[in-house]
Amino acid sequence: QEWDNYSPYMTDEGRAADISEMGETVNKIITYLSSTADHVTLDDLAAAIGVEKRSVNGSFNALVKKGLCARTTAKVEAMVPVKYLTLTDAGKAFDPTADAE
C-alpha cells in the first residue's frame, strides 16, 4: 500500500515525512541537533559528527525538504551571512533510534 511508506512525523506543509530512506548521517544530524544548543553551523555539525561537509549538506537538505530541519540566517557583520541549522517541531519529535515501521 502507498501508506506503508509514511511516518507519523508531519512536515510543515502538513504531509507525512517519509523517513524510510534516511541513513546513518541523517540520524547523526538529528541526534546531534537534538542535544545541542543553538548556533550550529554546517562546519560545526560536520566536525562534530565526523562526516564530510558535502555529505552533511546533502543529508541536511533532505531533512529540510522533509520538514524536519531548517536553516536560519543570522544577522552578522561579515560579508557572508551565517546560517544556523535547527530542527523544526517535527524534527524535535523525530526519534532516529526508533525502528522504521
N, C-alpha and C. Protein backbone atom coordinates (compact mmCIF):
# COMPACT_ATOMS: atom_id res chain seq x y z
N GLN A 1 0.83 -1.19 0.00
CA GLN A 1 0.00 0.00 0.00
C GLN A 1 0.87 1.25 0.00
N GLU A 2 0.34 2.30 -0.60
CA GLU A 2 1.06 3.56 -0.66
C GLU A 2 1.34 4.12 0.73
N TRP A 3 0.45 3.93 1.69
CA TRP A 3 0.60 4.49 3.02
C TRP A 3 1.70 3.82 3.83
N ASP A 4 2.20 2.67 3.37
CA ASP A 4 3.24 1.97 4.11
C ASP A 4 4.53 2.77 4.20
N ASN A 5 4.74 3.71 3.30
CA ASN A 5 5.97 4.49 3.29
C ASN A 5 5.88 5.78 4.11
N TYR A 6 4.80 6.00 4.79
CA TYR A 6 4.62 7.24 5.53
C TYR A 6 4.87 7.04 7.01
N SER A 7 5.27 8.09 7.66
CA SER A 7 5.53 8.06 9.10
C SER A 7 4.57 9.02 9.80
N PRO A 8 4.53 8.96 11.12
CA PRO A 8 3.68 9.90 11.85
C PRO A 8 4.27 11.29 11.96
N TYR A 9 5.47 11.52 11.44
CA TYR A 9 6.10 12.82 11.53
C TYR A 9 5.60 13.69 10.39
N MET A 10 5.05 14.84 10.73
CA MET A 10 4.43 15.70 9.74
C MET A 10 5.38 16.82 9.34
N THR A 11 5.38 17.14 8.06
CA THR A 11 6.17 18.26 7.57
C THR A 11 5.43 19.56 7.88
N ASP A 12 6.10 20.67 7.64
CA ASP A 12 5.48 21.97 7.86
C ASP A 12 4.28 22.18 6.93
N GLU A 13 4.25 21.47 5.81
CA GLU A 13 3.14 21.58 4.87
C GLU A 13 2.00 20.63 5.24
N GLY A 14 2.12 19.91 6.35
CA GLY A 14 1.05 19.03 6.79
C GLY A 14 1.07 17.65 6.17
N ARG A 15 2.17 17.32 5.47
CA ARG A 15 2.31 15.99 4.87
C ARG A 15 3.18 15.13 5.78
N ALA A 16 2.96 13.83 5.72
CA ALA A 16 3.79 12.92 6.49
C ALA A 16 5.18 12.85 5.89
N ALA A 17 6.20 12.88 6.73
CA ALA A 17 7.58 12.81 6.26
C ALA A 17 7.95 11.35 6.05
N ASP A 18 8.42 11.02 4.87
CA ASP A 18 8.87 9.67 4.56
C ASP A 18 10.29 9.54 5.08
N ILE A 19 10.47 8.76 6.13
CA ILE A 19 11.79 8.61 6.74
C ILE A 19 12.41 7.26 6.42
N SER A 20 11.81 6.51 5.51
CA SER A 20 12.28 5.15 5.23
C SER A 20 13.66 5.11 4.59
N GLU A 21 14.08 6.17 3.92
CA GLU A 21 15.36 6.16 3.23
C GLU A 21 16.45 6.90 3.98
N MET A 22 16.19 7.30 5.20
CA MET A 22 17.18 8.05 5.96
C MET A 22 18.28 7.12 6.44
N GLY A 23 19.51 7.58 6.28
CA GLY A 23 20.65 6.77 6.64
C GLY A 23 21.31 7.22 7.92
N GLU A 24 22.50 6.70 8.13
CA GLU A 24 23.25 6.95 9.35
C GLU A 24 23.59 8.43 9.53
N THR A 25 23.95 9.12 8.44
CA THR A 25 24.30 10.54 8.54
C THR A 25 23.11 11.36 9.01
N VAL A 26 21.94 11.06 8.47
CA VAL A 26 20.73 11.76 8.87
C VAL A 26 20.45 11.54 10.35
N ASN A 27 20.58 10.31 10.80
CA ASN A 27 20.36 10.02 12.22
C ASN A 27 21.36 10.76 13.09
N LYS A 28 22.61 10.85 12.66
CA LYS A 28 23.62 11.58 13.42
C LYS A 28 23.27 13.06 13.48
N ILE A 29 22.80 13.61 12.37
CA ILE A 29 22.43 15.03 12.34
C ILE A 29 21.31 15.31 13.33
N ILE A 30 20.25 14.52 13.27
CA ILE A 30 19.11 14.76 14.16
C ILE A 30 19.50 14.54 15.62
N THR A 31 20.26 13.51 15.89
CA THR A 31 20.70 13.24 17.26
C THR A 31 21.55 14.39 17.79
N TYR A 32 22.48 14.87 16.98
CA TYR A 32 23.35 15.96 17.41
C TYR A 32 22.56 17.24 17.64
N LEU A 33 21.71 17.61 16.68
CA LEU A 33 20.94 18.85 16.83
C LEU A 33 19.95 18.77 17.99
N SER A 34 19.48 17.57 18.31
CA SER A 34 18.56 17.40 19.44
C SER A 34 19.24 17.65 20.77
N SER A 35 20.53 17.41 20.82
CA SER A 35 21.25 17.51 22.09
C SER A 35 22.17 18.72 22.18
N THR A 36 22.08 19.61 21.21
CA THR A 36 23.00 20.74 21.15
C THR A 36 22.25 22.06 21.22
N ALA A 37 22.91 23.03 21.80
CA ALA A 37 22.33 24.37 21.87
C ALA A 37 22.24 24.97 20.47
N ASP A 38 21.65 26.14 20.39
CA ASP A 38 21.51 26.85 19.11
C ASP A 38 22.87 27.24 18.55
N HIS A 39 22.84 27.84 17.39
CA HIS A 39 24.02 28.40 16.73
C HIS A 39 24.98 27.32 16.21
N VAL A 40 24.45 26.30 15.58
CA VAL A 40 25.25 25.25 14.96
C VAL A 40 25.36 25.56 13.47
N THR A 41 26.57 25.69 12.98
CA THR A 41 26.79 25.92 11.55
C THR A 41 27.04 24.59 10.86
N LEU A 42 27.04 24.59 9.54
CA LEU A 42 27.33 23.38 8.78
C LEU A 42 28.72 22.86 9.12
N ASP A 43 29.69 23.75 9.22
CA ASP A 43 31.05 23.34 9.58
C ASP A 43 31.10 22.70 10.96
N ASP A 44 30.40 23.31 11.92
CA ASP A 44 30.35 22.77 13.28
C ASP A 44 29.75 21.37 13.28
N LEU A 45 28.63 21.22 12.57
CA LEU A 45 27.92 19.95 12.53
C LEU A 45 28.77 18.86 11.90
N ALA A 46 29.40 19.15 10.76
CA ALA A 46 30.23 18.16 10.08
C ALA A 46 31.37 17.70 10.98
N ALA A 47 32.03 18.65 11.64
CA ALA A 47 33.14 18.30 12.54
C ALA A 47 32.66 17.48 13.73
N ALA A 48 31.51 17.86 14.28
CA ALA A 48 31.00 17.18 15.48
C ALA A 48 30.59 15.73 15.23
N ILE A 49 30.01 15.47 14.06
CA ILE A 49 29.55 14.10 13.79
C ILE A 49 30.55 13.30 12.97
N GLY A 50 31.66 13.92 12.58
CA GLY A 50 32.72 13.22 11.88
C GLY A 50 32.36 12.77 10.47
N VAL A 51 31.59 13.61 9.77
CA VAL A 51 31.17 13.29 8.41
C VAL A 51 31.59 14.45 7.50
N GLU A 52 32.00 14.12 6.28
CA GLU A 52 32.42 15.14 5.31
C GLU A 52 31.32 16.19 5.13
N LYS A 53 31.73 17.44 5.05
CA LYS A 53 30.80 18.57 4.95
C LYS A 53 29.82 18.40 3.79
N ARG A 54 30.29 17.92 2.65
CA ARG A 54 29.43 17.74 1.48
C ARG A 54 28.30 16.74 1.78
N SER A 55 28.64 15.66 2.46
CA SER A 55 27.62 14.65 2.81
C SER A 55 26.62 15.20 3.81
N VAL A 56 27.13 15.96 4.78
CA VAL A 56 26.24 16.55 5.78
C VAL A 56 25.28 17.53 5.11
N ASN A 57 25.78 18.34 4.19
CA ASN A 57 24.95 19.31 3.49
C ASN A 57 23.84 18.62 2.70
N GLY A 58 24.18 17.57 1.97
CA GLY A 58 23.17 16.84 1.20
C GLY A 58 22.12 16.21 2.09
N SER A 59 22.56 15.60 3.18
CA SER A 59 21.61 14.97 4.11
C SER A 59 20.74 16.02 4.79
N PHE A 60 21.35 17.16 5.15
CA PHE A 60 20.58 18.22 5.80
C PHE A 60 19.55 18.79 4.84
N ASN A 61 19.92 18.95 3.57
CA ASN A 61 18.96 19.43 2.58
C ASN A 61 17.76 18.49 2.47
N ALA A 62 18.01 17.19 2.54
CA ALA A 62 16.91 16.22 2.50
C ALA A 62 16.01 16.38 3.72
N LEU A 63 16.59 16.66 4.88
CA LEU A 63 15.80 16.87 6.09
C LEU A 63 14.98 18.15 5.99
N VAL A 64 15.53 19.17 5.36
CA VAL A 64 14.79 20.42 5.14
C VAL A 64 13.58 20.14 4.25
N LYS A 65 13.77 19.39 3.18
CA LYS A 65 12.67 19.07 2.27
C LYS A 65 11.59 18.25 2.95
N LYS A 66 11.98 17.44 3.93
CA LYS A 66 11.01 16.62 4.66
C LYS A 66 10.36 17.39 5.82
N GLY A 67 10.80 18.64 6.03
CA GLY A 67 10.20 19.46 7.08
C GLY A 67 10.74 19.17 8.46
N LEU A 68 11.85 18.44 8.57
CA LEU A 68 12.40 18.09 9.87
C LEU A 68 13.47 19.07 10.35
N CYS A 69 14.07 19.83 9.44
CA CYS A 69 15.12 20.78 9.79
C CYS A 69 14.93 22.07 9.01
N ALA A 70 15.66 23.09 9.46
CA ALA A 70 15.60 24.40 8.79
C ALA A 70 16.93 25.11 8.94
N ARG A 71 17.17 26.05 8.03
CA ARG A 71 18.33 26.94 8.13
C ARG A 71 17.81 28.32 8.52
N THR A 72 18.46 28.93 9.50
CA THR A 72 18.08 30.26 9.95
C THR A 72 19.25 31.20 9.70
N THR A 73 19.01 32.24 8.92
CA THR A 73 20.07 33.20 8.63
C THR A 73 20.23 34.14 9.81
N ALA A 74 21.47 34.25 10.28
CA ALA A 74 21.77 35.14 11.40
C ALA A 74 22.28 36.46 10.85
N LYS A 75 21.90 37.51 11.49
CA LYS A 75 22.40 38.82 11.07
C LYS A 75 23.78 39.03 11.68
N VAL A 76 24.75 39.07 10.82
CA VAL A 76 26.12 39.26 11.27
C VAL A 76 26.76 40.38 10.46
N GLU A 77 27.93 40.82 10.90
CA GLU A 77 28.59 41.91 10.20
C GLU A 77 29.60 41.42 9.17
N ALA A 78 29.69 40.14 8.97
CA ALA A 78 30.61 39.58 7.98
C ALA A 78 30.04 39.79 6.57
N MET A 79 30.86 39.55 5.57
CA MET A 79 30.43 39.70 4.18
C MET A 79 29.40 38.65 3.80
N VAL A 80 29.52 37.47 4.38
CA VAL A 80 28.61 36.37 4.09
C VAL A 80 27.82 36.06 5.36
N PRO A 81 26.49 36.06 5.28
CA PRO A 81 25.71 35.76 6.48
C PRO A 81 25.91 34.31 6.93
N VAL A 82 25.86 34.11 8.22
CA VAL A 82 25.99 32.78 8.80
C VAL A 82 24.59 32.17 8.88
N LYS A 83 24.49 30.89 8.51
CA LYS A 83 23.21 30.18 8.62
C LYS A 83 23.33 29.11 9.69
N TYR A 84 22.41 29.16 10.65
CA TYR A 84 22.39 28.18 11.71
C TYR A 84 21.43 27.06 11.33
N LEU A 85 21.80 25.84 11.68
CA LEU A 85 21.00 24.67 11.38
C LEU A 85 20.18 24.32 12.61
N THR A 86 18.88 24.14 12.41
CA THR A 86 17.98 23.85 13.53
C THR A 86 17.00 22.74 13.16
N LEU A 87 16.39 22.18 14.18
CA LEU A 87 15.31 21.22 13.98
C LEU A 87 13.98 21.96 14.01
N THR A 88 13.06 21.54 13.17
CA THR A 88 11.69 22.05 13.24
C THR A 88 10.98 21.30 14.36
N ASP A 89 9.73 21.63 14.63
CA ASP A 89 8.96 20.89 15.64
C ASP A 89 8.86 19.42 15.27
N ALA A 90 8.67 19.13 13.97
CA ALA A 90 8.60 17.74 13.51
C ALA A 90 9.94 17.04 13.73
N GLY A 91 11.04 17.76 13.51
CA GLY A 91 12.36 17.20 13.74
C GLY A 91 12.63 16.92 15.19
N LYS A 92 12.13 17.80 16.07
CA LYS A 92 12.29 17.58 17.51
C LYS A 92 11.51 16.36 17.97
N ALA A 93 10.39 16.08 17.31
CA ALA A 93 9.56 14.93 17.68
C ALA A 93 10.11 13.63 17.10
N PHE A 94 10.98 13.73 16.11
CA PHE A 94 11.51 12.54 15.44
C PHE A 94 12.50 11.81 16.33
N ASP A 95 12.36 10.48 16.40
CA ASP A 95 13.27 9.64 17.19
C ASP A 95 14.10 8.82 16.21
N PRO A 96 15.37 9.21 15.97
CA PRO A 96 16.18 8.49 14.99
C PRO A 96 16.55 7.08 15.42
N THR A 97 16.35 6.75 16.68
CA THR A 97 16.69 5.40 17.15
C THR A 97 15.51 4.45 17.04
N ALA A 98 14.33 4.99 16.76
CA ALA A 98 13.15 4.12 16.63
C ALA A 98 13.22 3.35 15.31
N ASP A 99 12.77 2.13 15.33
CA ASP A 99 12.74 1.33 14.10
C ASP A 99 11.71 1.88 13.15
N ALA A 100 12.03 1.92 11.85
CA ALA A 100 11.06 2.33 10.85
C ALA A 100 9.97 1.27 10.74
N GLU A 101 8.75 1.73 10.67
CA GLU A 101 7.62 0.79 10.62
C GLU A 101 7.36 0.34 9.22
